[in-house]
Amino acid sequence: VKAFAASLAGILLGLGLLVLGARWLVSGASEMARQFGVSELTIGLTLV
C-alpha cells in the first residue's frame, strides 16, 4: 500500500510540476516574443 501511494503521489506531483513549469516557461517566452512585436498566431504556433 505504501509503495502504491508513493507511486500515485509521484504521478500527481510530477503532473503538477509539469503544468507549473510549462506555465512559467510559456509566460516568460511569450513576454520576450511580444517585446519583439511577434503576432499572436506566430507565438501560438511556435513558442506557446
All heavy atoms as atom14 arrays in JSON, in Angstrom:
{
  "sequence": "VKAFAASLAGILLGLGLLVLGARWLVSGASEMARQFGVSELTIGLTLV",
  "atom14_mask": [
    [1, 1, 1, 1, 1, 1, 1, 0, 0, 0, 0, 0, 0, 0],
    [1, 1, 1, 1, 1, 1, 1, 1, 1, 0, 0, 0, 0, 0],
    [1, 1, 1, 1, 1, 0, 0, 0, 0, 0, 0, 0, 0, 0],
    [1, 1, 1, 1, 1, 1, 1, 1, 1, 1, 1, 0, 0, 0],
    [1, 1, 1, 1, 1, 0, 0, 0, 0, 0, 0, 0, 0, 0],
    [1, 1, 1, 1, 1, 0, 0, 0, 0, 0, 0, 0, 0, 0],
    [1, 1, 1, 1, 1, 1, 0, 0, 0, 0, 0, 0, 0, 0],
    [1, 1, 1, 1, 1, 1, 1, 1, 0, 0, 0, 0, 0, 0],
    [1, 1, 1, 1, 1, 0, 0, 0, 0, 0, 0, 0, 0, 0],
    [1, 1, 1, 1, 0, 0, 0, 0, 0, 0, 0, 0, 0, 0],
    [1, 1, 1, 1, 1, 1, 1, 1, 0, 0, 0, 0, 0, 0],
    [1, 1, 1, 1, 1, 1, 1, 1, 0, 0, 0, 0, 0, 0],
    [1, 1, 1, 1, 1, 1, 1, 1, 0, 0, 0, 0, 0, 0],
    [1, 1, 1, 1, 0, 0, 0, 0, 0, 0, 0, 0, 0, 0],
    [1, 1, 1, 1, 1, 1, 1, 1, 0, 0, 0, 0, 0, 0],
    [1, 1, 1, 1, 0, 0, 0, 0, 0, 0, 0, 0, 0, 0],
    [1, 1, 1, 1, 1, 1, 1, 1, 0, 0, 0, 0, 0, 0],
    [1, 1, 1, 1, 1, 1, 1, 1, 0, 0, 0, 0, 0, 0],
    [1, 1, 1, 1, 1, 1, 1, 0, 0, 0, 0, 0, 0, 0],
    [1, 1, 1, 1, 1, 1, 1, 1, 0, 0, 0, 0, 0, 0],
    [1, 1, 1, 1, 0, 0, 0, 0, 0, 0, 0, 0, 0, 0],
    [1, 1, 1, 1, 1, 0, 0, 0, 0, 0, 0, 0, 0, 0],
    [1, 1, 1, 1, 1, 1, 1, 1, 1, 1, 1, 0, 0, 0],
    [1, 1, 1, 1, 1, 1, 1, 1, 1, 1, 1, 1, 1, 1],
    [1, 1, 1, 1, 1, 1, 1, 1, 0, 0, 0, 0, 0, 0],
    [1, 1, 1, 1, 1, 1, 1, 0, 0, 0, 0, 0, 0, 0],
    [1, 1, 1, 1, 1, 1, 0, 0, 0, 0, 0, 0, 0, 0],
    [1, 1, 1, 1, 0, 0, 0, 0, 0, 0, 0, 0, 0, 0],
    [1, 1, 1, 1, 1, 0, 0, 0, 0, 0, 0, 0, 0, 0],
    [1, 1, 1, 1, 1, 1, 0, 0, 0, 0, 0, 0, 0, 0],
    [1, 1, 1, 1, 1, 1, 1, 1, 1, 0, 0, 0, 0, 0],
    [1, 1, 1, 1, 1, 1, 1, 1, 0, 0, 0, 0, 0, 0],
    [1, 1, 1, 1, 1, 0, 0, 0, 0, 0, 0, 0, 0, 0],
    [1, 1, 1, 1, 1, 1, 1, 1, 1, 1, 1, 0, 0, 0],
    [1, 1, 1, 1, 1, 1, 1, 1, 1, 0, 0, 0, 0, 0],
    [1, 1, 1, 1, 1, 1, 1, 1, 1, 1, 1, 0, 0, 0],
    [1, 1, 1, 1, 0, 0, 0, 0, 0, 0, 0, 0, 0, 0],
    [1, 1, 1, 1, 1, 1, 1, 0, 0, 0, 0, 0, 0, 0],
    [1, 1, 1, 1, 1, 1, 0, 0, 0, 0, 0, 0, 0, 0],
    [1, 1, 1, 1, 1, 1, 1, 1, 1, 0, 0, 0, 0, 0],
    [1, 1, 1, 1, 1, 1, 1, 1, 0, 0, 0, 0, 0, 0],
    [1, 1, 1, 1, 1, 1, 1, 0, 0, 0, 0, 0, 0, 0],
    [1, 1, 1, 1, 1, 1, 1, 1, 0, 0, 0, 0, 0, 0],
    [1, 1, 1, 1, 0, 0, 0, 0, 0, 0, 0, 0, 0, 0],
    [1, 1, 1, 1, 1, 1, 1, 1, 0, 0, 0, 0, 0, 0],
    [1, 1, 1, 1, 1, 1, 1, 0, 0, 0, 0, 0, 0, 0],
    [1, 1, 1, 1, 1, 1, 1, 1, 0, 0, 0, 0, 0, 0],
    [1, 1, 1, 1, 1, 1, 1, 0, 0, 0, 0, 0, 0, 0]
  ],
  "atom14_positions": [
    [[0.82, -1.21, 0.0], [0.0, 0.0, 0.0], [0.86, 1.26, 0.0], [0.57, 2.23, -0.7], [-0.94, 0.0, 1.23], [-1.74, 1.3, 1.29], [-1.87, -1.21, 1.18], [0.0, 0.0, 0.0], [0.0, 0.0, 0.0], [0.0, 0.0, 0.0], [0.0, 0.0, 0.0], [0.0, 0.0, 0.0], [0.0, 0.0, 0.0], [0.0, 0.0, 0.0]],
    [[1.94, 1.25, 0.77], [2.79, 2.44, 0.85], [3.43, 2.75, -0.5], [3.5, 3.91, -0.91], [3.87, 2.24, 1.91], [3.35, 2.23, 3.34], [4.49, 2.14, 4.34], [3.97, 2.17, 5.77], [5.07, 2.07, 6.76], [0.0, 0.0, 0.0], [0.0, 0.0, 0.0], [0.0, 0.0, 0.0], [0.0, 0.0, 0.0], [0.0, 0.0, 0.0]],
    [[3.91, 1.71, -1.18], [4.53, 1.94, -2.49], [3.49, 2.4, -3.51], [3.78, 3.23, -4.38], [5.2, 0.66, -2.97], [0.0, 0.0, 0.0], [0.0, 0.0, 0.0], [0.0, 0.0, 0.0], [0.0, 0.0, 0.0], [0.0, 0.0, 0.0], [0.0, 0.0, 0.0], [0.0, 0.0, 0.0], [0.0, 0.0, 0.0], [0.0, 0.0, 0.0]],
    [[2.26, 1.85, -3.41], [1.19, 2.3, -4.3], [0.89, 3.78, -4.09], [0.77, 4.55, -5.04], [-0.07, 1.46, -4.05], [-1.25, 1.86, -4.88], [-1.42, 1.36, -6.16], [-2.2, 2.76, -4.39], [-2.5, 1.74, -6.93], [-3.28, 3.14, -5.16], [-3.44, 2.62, -6.43], [0.0, 0.0, 0.0], [0.0, 0.0, 0.0], [0.0, 0.0, 0.0]],
    [[0.79, 4.19, -2.82], [0.53, 5.59, -2.51], [1.68, 6.48, -2.96], [1.48, 7.58, -3.47], [0.29, 5.76, -1.01], [0.0, 0.0, 0.0], [0.0, 0.0, 0.0], [0.0, 0.0, 0.0], [0.0, 0.0, 0.0], [0.0, 0.0, 0.0], [0.0, 0.0, 0.0], [0.0, 0.0, 0.0], [0.0, 0.0, 0.0], [0.0, 0.0, 0.0]],
    [[2.92, 5.97, -2.81], [4.09, 6.75, -3.23], [4.11, 6.94, -4.74], [4.43, 8.02, -5.24], [5.36, 6.06, -2.77], [0.0, 0.0, 0.0], [0.0, 0.0, 0.0], [0.0, 0.0, 0.0], [0.0, 0.0, 0.0], [0.0, 0.0, 0.0], [0.0, 0.0, 0.0], [0.0, 0.0, 0.0], [0.0, 0.0, 0.0], [0.0, 0.0, 0.0]],
    [[3.76, 5.88, -5.48], [3.72, 5.97, -6.94], [2.65, 6.96, -7.39], [2.88, 7.79, -8.29], [3.45, 4.6, -7.55], [4.49, 3.7, -7.24], [0.0, 0.0, 0.0], [0.0, 0.0, 0.0], [0.0, 0.0, 0.0], [0.0, 0.0, 0.0], [0.0, 0.0, 0.0], [0.0, 0.0, 0.0], [0.0, 0.0, 0.0], [0.0, 0.0, 0.0]],
    [[1.47, 6.89, -6.76], [0.39, 7.8, -7.11], [0.76, 9.23, -6.77], [0.5, 10.16, -7.56], [-0.89, 7.39, -6.37], [-2.17, 8.13, -6.76], [-2.48, 7.93, -8.24], [-3.34, 7.65, -5.91], [0.0, 0.0, 0.0], [0.0, 0.0, 0.0], [0.0, 0.0, 0.0], [0.0, 0.0, 0.0], [0.0, 0.0, 0.0], [0.0, 0.0, 0.0]],
    [[1.4, 9.42, -5.61], [1.83, 10.76, -5.22], [2.88, 11.3, -6.19], [2.88, 12.5, -6.53], [2.39, 10.73, -3.8], [0.0, 0.0, 0.0], [0.0, 0.0, 0.0], [0.0, 0.0, 0.0], [0.0, 0.0, 0.0], [0.0, 0.0, 0.0], [0.0, 0.0, 0.0], [0.0, 0.0, 0.0], [0.0, 0.0, 0.0], [0.0, 0.0, 0.0]],
    [[3.78, 10.41, -6.66], [4.79, 10.83, -7.63], [4.16, 11.29, -8.94], [4.59, 12.28, -9.54], [0.0, 0.0, 0.0], [0.0, 0.0, 0.0], [0.0, 0.0, 0.0], [0.0, 0.0, 0.0], [0.0, 0.0, 0.0], [0.0, 0.0, 0.0], [0.0, 0.0, 0.0], [0.0, 0.0, 0.0], [0.0, 0.0, 0.0], [0.0, 0.0, 0.0]],
    [[3.12, 10.56, -9.39], [2.43, 10.95, -10.62], [1.77, 12.32, -10.47], [1.92, 13.2, -11.33], [1.37, 9.89, -10.99], [2.05, 8.58, -11.41], [0.47, 10.4, -12.12], [1.09, 7.46, -11.67], [0.0, 0.0, 0.0], [0.0, 0.0, 0.0], [0.0, 0.0, 0.0], [0.0, 0.0, 0.0], [0.0, 0.0, 0.0], [0.0, 0.0, 0.0]],
    [[1.05, 12.51, -9.36], [0.35, 13.79, -9.14], [1.33, 14.95, -8.99], [1.12, 16.03, -9.56], [-0.53, 13.68, -7.9], [-1.69, 12.68, -7.99], [-2.44, 12.62, -6.67], [-2.63, 13.05, -9.13], [0.0, 0.0, 0.0], [0.0, 0.0, 0.0], [0.0, 0.0, 0.0], [0.0, 0.0, 0.0], [0.0, 0.0, 0.0], [0.0, 0.0, 0.0]],
    [[2.42, 14.71, -8.24], [3.42, 15.77, -8.06], [4.12, 16.07, -9.38], [4.36, 17.23, -9.72], [4.45, 15.34, -7.01], [5.58, 16.33, -6.72], [5.01, 17.66, -6.24], [6.55, 15.76, -5.69], [0.0, 0.0, 0.0], [0.0, 0.0, 0.0], [0.0, 0.0, 0.0], [0.0, 0.0, 0.0], [0.0, 0.0, 0.0], [0.0, 0.0, 0.0]],
    [[4.42, 15.01, -10.15], [5.04, 15.21, -11.46], [4.17, 16.02, -12.39], [4.64, 16.93, -13.08], [0.0, 0.0, 0.0], [0.0, 0.0, 0.0], [0.0, 0.0, 0.0], [0.0, 0.0, 0.0], [0.0, 0.0, 0.0], [0.0, 0.0, 0.0], [0.0, 0.0, 0.0], [0.0, 0.0, 0.0], [0.0, 0.0, 0.0], [0.0, 0.0, 0.0]],
    [[2.86, 15.7, -12.42], [1.93, 16.45, -13.26], [1.86, 17.92, -12.83], [1.83, 18.83, -13.67], [0.54, 15.83, -13.19], [0.36, 14.47, -13.88], [-1.05, 13.94, -13.63], [0.62, 14.59, -15.38], [0.0, 0.0, 0.0], [0.0, 0.0, 0.0], [0.0, 0.0, 0.0], [0.0, 0.0, 0.0], [0.0, 0.0, 0.0], [0.0, 0.0, 0.0]],
    [[1.85, 18.12, -11.51], [1.81, 19.49, -11.01], [3.03, 20.29, -11.41], [2.92, 21.45, -11.84], [0.0, 0.0, 0.0], [0.0, 0.0, 0.0], [0.0, 0.0, 0.0], [0.0, 0.0, 0.0], [0.0, 0.0, 0.0], [0.0, 0.0, 0.0], [0.0, 0.0, 0.0], [0.0, 0.0, 0.0], [0.0, 0.0, 0.0], [0.0, 0.0, 0.0]],
    [[4.21, 19.68, -11.3], [5.43, 20.36, -11.71], [5.47, 20.63, -13.2], [5.95, 21.67, -13.65], [6.65, 19.53, -11.29], [6.92, 19.42, -9.79], [8.12, 18.51, -9.53], [7.17, 20.78, -9.17], [0.0, 0.0, 0.0], [0.0, 0.0, 0.0], [0.0, 0.0, 0.0], [0.0, 0.0, 0.0], [0.0, 0.0, 0.0], [0.0, 0.0, 0.0]],
    [[4.93, 19.68, -14.0], [4.89, 19.86, -15.45], [4.01, 21.06, -15.82], [4.37, 21.89, -16.66], [4.37, 18.6, -16.13], [5.32, 17.41, -16.2], [4.6, 16.19, -16.75], [6.53, 17.73, -17.05], [0.0, 0.0, 0.0], [0.0, 0.0, 0.0], [0.0, 0.0, 0.0], [0.0, 0.0, 0.0], [0.0, 0.0, 0.0], [0.0, 0.0, 0.0]],
    [[2.83, 21.12, -15.2], [1.9, 22.22, -15.51], [2.51, 23.56, -15.09], [2.49, 24.54, -15.85], [0.55, 22.0, -14.81], [-0.35, 23.22, -14.98], [-0.13, 20.76, -15.36], [0.0, 0.0, 0.0], [0.0, 0.0, 0.0], [0.0, 0.0, 0.0], [0.0, 0.0, 0.0], [0.0, 0.0, 0.0], [0.0, 0.0, 0.0], [0.0, 0.0, 0.0]],
    [[3.06, 23.62, -13.87], [3.65, 24.87, -13.38], [4.87, 25.26, -14.2], [5.04, 26.43, -14.58], [4.04, 24.71, -11.9], [4.66, 25.95, -11.23], [3.66, 27.11, -11.25], [5.07, 25.63, -9.79], [0.0, 0.0, 0.0], [0.0, 0.0, 0.0], [0.0, 0.0, 0.0], [0.0, 0.0, 0.0], [0.0, 0.0, 0.0], [0.0, 0.0, 0.0]],
    [[5.72, 24.27, -14.52], [6.9, 24.57, -15.32], [6.56, 25.07, -16.71], [7.16, 26.03, -17.2], [0.0, 0.0, 0.0], [0.0, 0.0, 0.0], [0.0, 0.0, 0.0], [0.0, 0.0, 0.0], [0.0, 0.0, 0.0], [0.0, 0.0, 0.0], [0.0, 0.0, 0.0], [0.0, 0.0, 0.0], [0.0, 0.0, 0.0], [0.0, 0.0, 0.0]],
    [[5.56, 24.44, -17.35], [5.15, 24.88, -18.68], [4.56, 26.29, -18.62], [4.81, 27.11, -19.51], [4.13, 23.91, -19.25], [0.0, 0.0, 0.0], [0.0, 0.0, 0.0], [0.0, 0.0, 0.0], [0.0, 0.0, 0.0], [0.0, 0.0, 0.0], [0.0, 0.0, 0.0], [0.0, 0.0, 0.0], [0.0, 0.0, 0.0], [0.0, 0.0, 0.0]],
    [[3.81, 26.57, -17.55], [3.21, 27.91, -17.42], [4.29, 28.98, -17.3], [4.21, 30.03, -17.95], [2.3, 27.93, -16.19], [1.61, 29.26, -15.96], [0.71, 29.21, -14.75], [0.06, 30.49, -14.53], [-0.78, 30.74, -13.52], [-1.06, 29.77, -12.67], [-1.31, 31.92, -13.37], [0.0, 0.0, 0.0], [0.0, 0.0, 0.0], [0.0, 0.0, 0.0]],
    [[5.29, 28.72, -16.47], [6.37, 29.69, -16.3], [7.16, 29.87, -17.59], [7.5, 30.99, -17.97], [7.3, 29.25, -15.18], [6.73, 29.45, -13.81], [5.47, 29.85, -13.51], [7.41, 29.27, -12.57], [5.3, 29.91, -12.15], [6.47, 29.56, -11.54], [8.69, 28.87, -12.22], [6.8, 29.48, -10.2], [9.03, 28.78, -10.87], [8.1, 29.09, -9.87]],
    [[7.43, 28.74, -18.25], [8.22, 28.81, -19.48], [7.48, 29.57, -20.57], [8.04, 30.45, -21.24], [8.56, 27.41, -19.96], [9.4, 27.32, -21.23], [10.75, 28.0, -21.03], [9.59, 25.88, -21.64], [0.0, 0.0, 0.0], [0.0, 0.0, 0.0], [0.0, 0.0, 0.0], [0.0, 0.0, 0.0], [0.0, 0.0, 0.0], [0.0, 0.0, 0.0]],
    [[6.2, 29.24, -20.77], [5.41, 29.92, -21.8], [5.25, 31.4, -21.48], [5.34, 32.26, -22.36], [4.04, 29.24, -21.95], [3.12, 30.07, -22.86], [4.2, 27.85, -22.51], [0.0, 0.0, 0.0], [0.0, 0.0, 0.0], [0.0, 0.0, 0.0], [0.0, 0.0, 0.0], [0.0, 0.0, 0.0], [0.0, 0.0, 0.0], [0.0, 0.0, 0.0]],
    [[5.01, 31.7, -20.19], [4.84, 33.1, -19.79], [6.08, 33.92, -20.1], [6.01, 35.0, -20.69], [4.51, 33.17, -18.3], [4.45, 34.51, -17.86], [0.0, 0.0, 0.0], [0.0, 0.0, 0.0], [0.0, 0.0, 0.0], [0.0, 0.0, 0.0], [0.0, 0.0, 0.0], [0.0, 0.0, 0.0], [0.0, 0.0, 0.0], [0.0, 0.0, 0.0]],
    [[7.25, 33.38, -19.7], [8.49, 34.1, -19.96], [8.81, 34.23, -21.43], [9.18, 35.31, -21.91], [0.0, 0.0, 0.0], [0.0, 0.0, 0.0], [0.0, 0.0, 0.0], [0.0, 0.0, 0.0], [0.0, 0.0, 0.0], [0.0, 0.0, 0.0], [0.0, 0.0, 0.0], [0.0, 0.0, 0.0], [0.0, 0.0, 0.0], [0.0, 0.0, 0.0]],
    [[8.63, 33.14, -22.18], [8.94, 33.16, -23.61], [7.98, 34.06, -24.38], [8.4, 34.8, -25.29], [8.88, 31.73, -24.17], [0.0, 0.0, 0.0], [0.0, 0.0, 0.0], [0.0, 0.0, 0.0], [0.0, 0.0, 0.0], [0.0, 0.0, 0.0], [0.0, 0.0, 0.0], [0.0, 0.0, 0.0], [0.0, 0.0, 0.0], [0.0, 0.0, 0.0]],
    [[6.7, 34.01, -24.04], [5.71, 34.84, -24.74], [5.97, 36.32, -24.5], [5.83, 37.15, -25.42], [4.29, 34.47, -24.28], [4.0, 33.14, -24.61], [0.0, 0.0, 0.0], [0.0, 0.0, 0.0], [0.0, 0.0, 0.0], [0.0, 0.0, 0.0], [0.0, 0.0, 0.0], [0.0, 0.0, 0.0], [0.0, 0.0, 0.0], [0.0, 0.0, 0.0]],
    [[6.32, 36.67, -23.27], [6.59, 38.07, -22.96], [7.81, 38.57, -23.74], [7.81, 39.69, -24.27], [6.82, 38.23, -21.46], [7.06, 39.67, -21.02], [5.88, 40.57, -21.34], [4.73, 40.09, -21.32], [6.12, 41.77, -21.62], [0.0, 0.0, 0.0], [0.0, 0.0, 0.0], [0.0, 0.0, 0.0], [0.0, 0.0, 0.0], [0.0, 0.0, 0.0]],
    [[8.84, 37.73, -23.84], [10.01, 38.13, -24.62], [9.66, 38.28, -26.1], [10.16, 39.18, -26.78], [11.13, 37.09, -24.44], [11.81, 37.14, -23.08], [13.27, 36.07, -22.95], [12.51, 34.45, -22.96], [0.0, 0.0, 0.0], [0.0, 0.0, 0.0], [0.0, 0.0, 0.0], [0.0, 0.0, 0.0], [0.0, 0.0, 0.0], [0.0, 0.0, 0.0]],
    [[8.77, 37.39, -26.6], [8.37, 37.47, -28.0], [7.59, 38.75, -28.28], [7.79, 39.41, -29.32], [7.53, 36.25, -28.38], [0.0, 0.0, 0.0], [0.0, 0.0, 0.0], [0.0, 0.0, 0.0], [0.0, 0.0, 0.0], [0.0, 0.0, 0.0], [0.0, 0.0, 0.0], [0.0, 0.0, 0.0], [0.0, 0.0, 0.0], [0.0, 0.0, 0.0]],
    [[6.69, 39.11, -27.37], [5.88, 40.31, -27.58], [6.74, 41.57, -27.58], [6.42, 42.55, -28.24], [4.8, 40.42, -26.5], [3.69, 39.38, -26.64], [2.51, 39.68, -25.71], [1.48, 38.68, -25.88], [1.37, 37.59, -25.14], [2.27, 37.35, -24.2], [0.39, 36.73, -25.34], [0.0, 0.0, 0.0], [0.0, 0.0, 0.0], [0.0, 0.0, 0.0]],
    [[7.83, 41.53, -26.85], [8.74, 42.68, -26.83], [9.37, 42.9, -28.2], [9.79, 44.01, -28.52], [9.82, 42.47, -25.77], [9.29, 42.5, -24.34], [10.36, 42.18, -23.32], [11.52, 41.96, -23.65], [9.98, 42.17, -22.04], [0.0, 0.0, 0.0], [0.0, 0.0, 0.0], [0.0, 0.0, 0.0], [0.0, 0.0, 0.0], [0.0, 0.0, 0.0]],
    [[9.4, 41.83, -29.01], [9.94, 41.94, -30.37], [8.85, 42.1, -31.42], [9.11, 42.04, -32.62], [10.79, 40.71, -30.7], [12.09, 40.66, -29.96], [12.19, 39.93, -28.77], [13.21, 41.34, -30.41], [13.39, 39.88, -28.06], [14.4, 41.29, -29.72], [14.5, 40.57, -28.53], [0.0, 0.0, 0.0], [0.0, 0.0, 0.0], [0.0, 0.0, 0.0]],
    [[7.58, 42.27, -30.98], [6.48, 42.53, -31.89], [6.03, 41.34, -32.72], [5.58, 41.52, -33.86], [0.0, 0.0, 0.0], [0.0, 0.0, 0.0], [0.0, 0.0, 0.0], [0.0, 0.0, 0.0], [0.0, 0.0, 0.0], [0.0, 0.0, 0.0], [0.0, 0.0, 0.0], [0.0, 0.0, 0.0], [0.0, 0.0, 0.0], [0.0, 0.0, 0.0]],
    [[6.1, 40.13, -32.17], [5.67, 38.92, -32.89], [4.16, 38.76, -32.73], [3.61, 39.01, -31.66], [6.41, 37.68, -32.35], [5.99, 36.42, -33.09], [7.91, 37.88, -32.47], [0.0, 0.0, 0.0], [0.0, 0.0, 0.0], [0.0, 0.0, 0.0], [0.0, 0.0, 0.0], [0.0, 0.0, 0.0], [0.0, 0.0, 0.0], [0.0, 0.0, 0.0]],
    [[3.45, 38.31, -33.79], [2.0, 38.17, -33.76], [1.56, 37.02, -32.86], [2.34, 36.11, -32.55], [1.46, 37.92, -35.17], [1.84, 36.64, -35.63], [0.0, 0.0, 0.0], [0.0, 0.0, 0.0], [0.0, 0.0, 0.0], [0.0, 0.0, 0.0], [0.0, 0.0, 0.0], [0.0, 0.0, 0.0], [0.0, 0.0, 0.0], [0.0, 0.0, 0.0]],
    [[0.27, 37.06, -32.44], [-0.27, 36.02, -31.57], [-0.28, 34.65, -32.25], [-0.01, 33.63, -31.61], [-1.69, 36.38, -31.11], [-1.74, 37.46, -30.04], [-3.12, 37.62, -29.44], [-4.08, 37.08, -30.02], [-3.23, 38.27, -28.39], [0.0, 0.0, 0.0], [0.0, 0.0, 0.0], [0.0, 0.0, 0.0], [0.0, 0.0, 0.0], [0.0, 0.0, 0.0]],
    [[-0.62, 34.61, -33.54], [-0.65, 33.33, -34.25], [0.74, 32.71, -34.3], [0.91, 31.5, -34.1], [-1.21, 33.51, -35.67], [-1.27, 32.24, -36.53], [-2.14, 31.19, -35.85], [-1.79, 32.56, -37.92], [0.0, 0.0, 0.0], [0.0, 0.0, 0.0], [0.0, 0.0, 0.0], [0.0, 0.0, 0.0], [0.0, 0.0, 0.0], [0.0, 0.0, 0.0]],
    [[1.74, 33.55, -34.58], [3.11, 33.05, -34.62], [3.55, 32.56, -33.25], [4.2, 31.51, -33.13], [4.07, 34.16, -35.1], [3.65, 34.61, -36.39], [5.49, 33.64, -35.21], [0.0, 0.0, 0.0], [0.0, 0.0, 0.0], [0.0, 0.0, 0.0], [0.0, 0.0, 0.0], [0.0, 0.0, 0.0], [0.0, 0.0, 0.0], [0.0, 0.0, 0.0]],
    [[3.18, 33.31, -32.2], [3.5, 32.88, -30.84], [2.83, 31.54, -30.54], [3.44, 30.64, -29.95], [3.06, 33.95, -29.82], [3.91, 35.21, -29.97], [3.18, 33.41, -28.4], [3.46, 36.36, -29.09], [0.0, 0.0, 0.0], [0.0, 0.0, 0.0], [0.0, 0.0, 0.0], [0.0, 0.0, 0.0], [0.0, 0.0, 0.0], [0.0, 0.0, 0.0]],
    [[1.57, 31.41, -30.94], [0.84, 30.17, -30.67], [1.43, 28.97, -31.38], [1.55, 27.88, -30.81], [0.0, 0.0, 0.0], [0.0, 0.0, 0.0], [0.0, 0.0, 0.0], [0.0, 0.0, 0.0], [0.0, 0.0, 0.0], [0.0, 0.0, 0.0], [0.0, 0.0, 0.0], [0.0, 0.0, 0.0], [0.0, 0.0, 0.0], [0.0, 0.0, 0.0]],
    [[1.82, 29.17, -32.64], [2.36, 28.07, -33.44], [3.79, 27.7, -33.07], [4.24, 26.59, -33.38], [2.31, 28.43, -34.93], [0.95, 28.33, -35.62], [0.99, 28.99, -36.99], [0.51, 26.88, -35.75], [0.0, 0.0, 0.0], [0.0, 0.0, 0.0], [0.0, 0.0, 0.0], [0.0, 0.0, 0.0], [0.0, 0.0, 0.0], [0.0, 0.0, 0.0]],
    [[4.49, 28.6, -32.43], [5.91, 28.34, -32.14], [6.2, 28.29, -30.65], [6.3, 27.21, -30.07], [6.78, 29.41, -32.81], [6.35, 30.72, -32.4], [6.69, 29.32, -34.33], [0.0, 0.0, 0.0], [0.0, 0.0, 0.0], [0.0, 0.0, 0.0], [0.0, 0.0, 0.0], [0.0, 0.0, 0.0], [0.0, 0.0, 0.0], [0.0, 0.0, 0.0]],
    [[6.33, 29.45, -30.01], [6.76, 29.48, -28.61], [5.78, 28.79, -27.67], [6.17, 27.97, -26.84], [6.98, 30.92, -28.17], [8.2, 31.63, -28.77], [8.26, 33.07, -28.32], [9.47, 30.89, -28.33], [0.0, 0.0, 0.0], [0.0, 0.0, 0.0], [0.0, 0.0, 0.0], [0.0, 0.0, 0.0], [0.0, 0.0, 0.0], [0.0, 0.0, 0.0]],
    [[4.48, 29.13, -27.79], [3.49, 28.52, -26.9], [3.36, 27.04, -27.2], [3.31, 26.21, -26.29], [2.12, 29.23, -27.03], [1.08, 28.54, -26.14], [2.25, 30.69, -26.63], [0.0, 0.0, 0.0], [0.0, 0.0, 0.0], [0.0, 0.0, 0.0], [0.0, 0.0, 0.0], [0.0, 0.0, 0.0], [0.0, 0.0, 0.0], [0.0, 0.0, 0.0]]
  ]
}
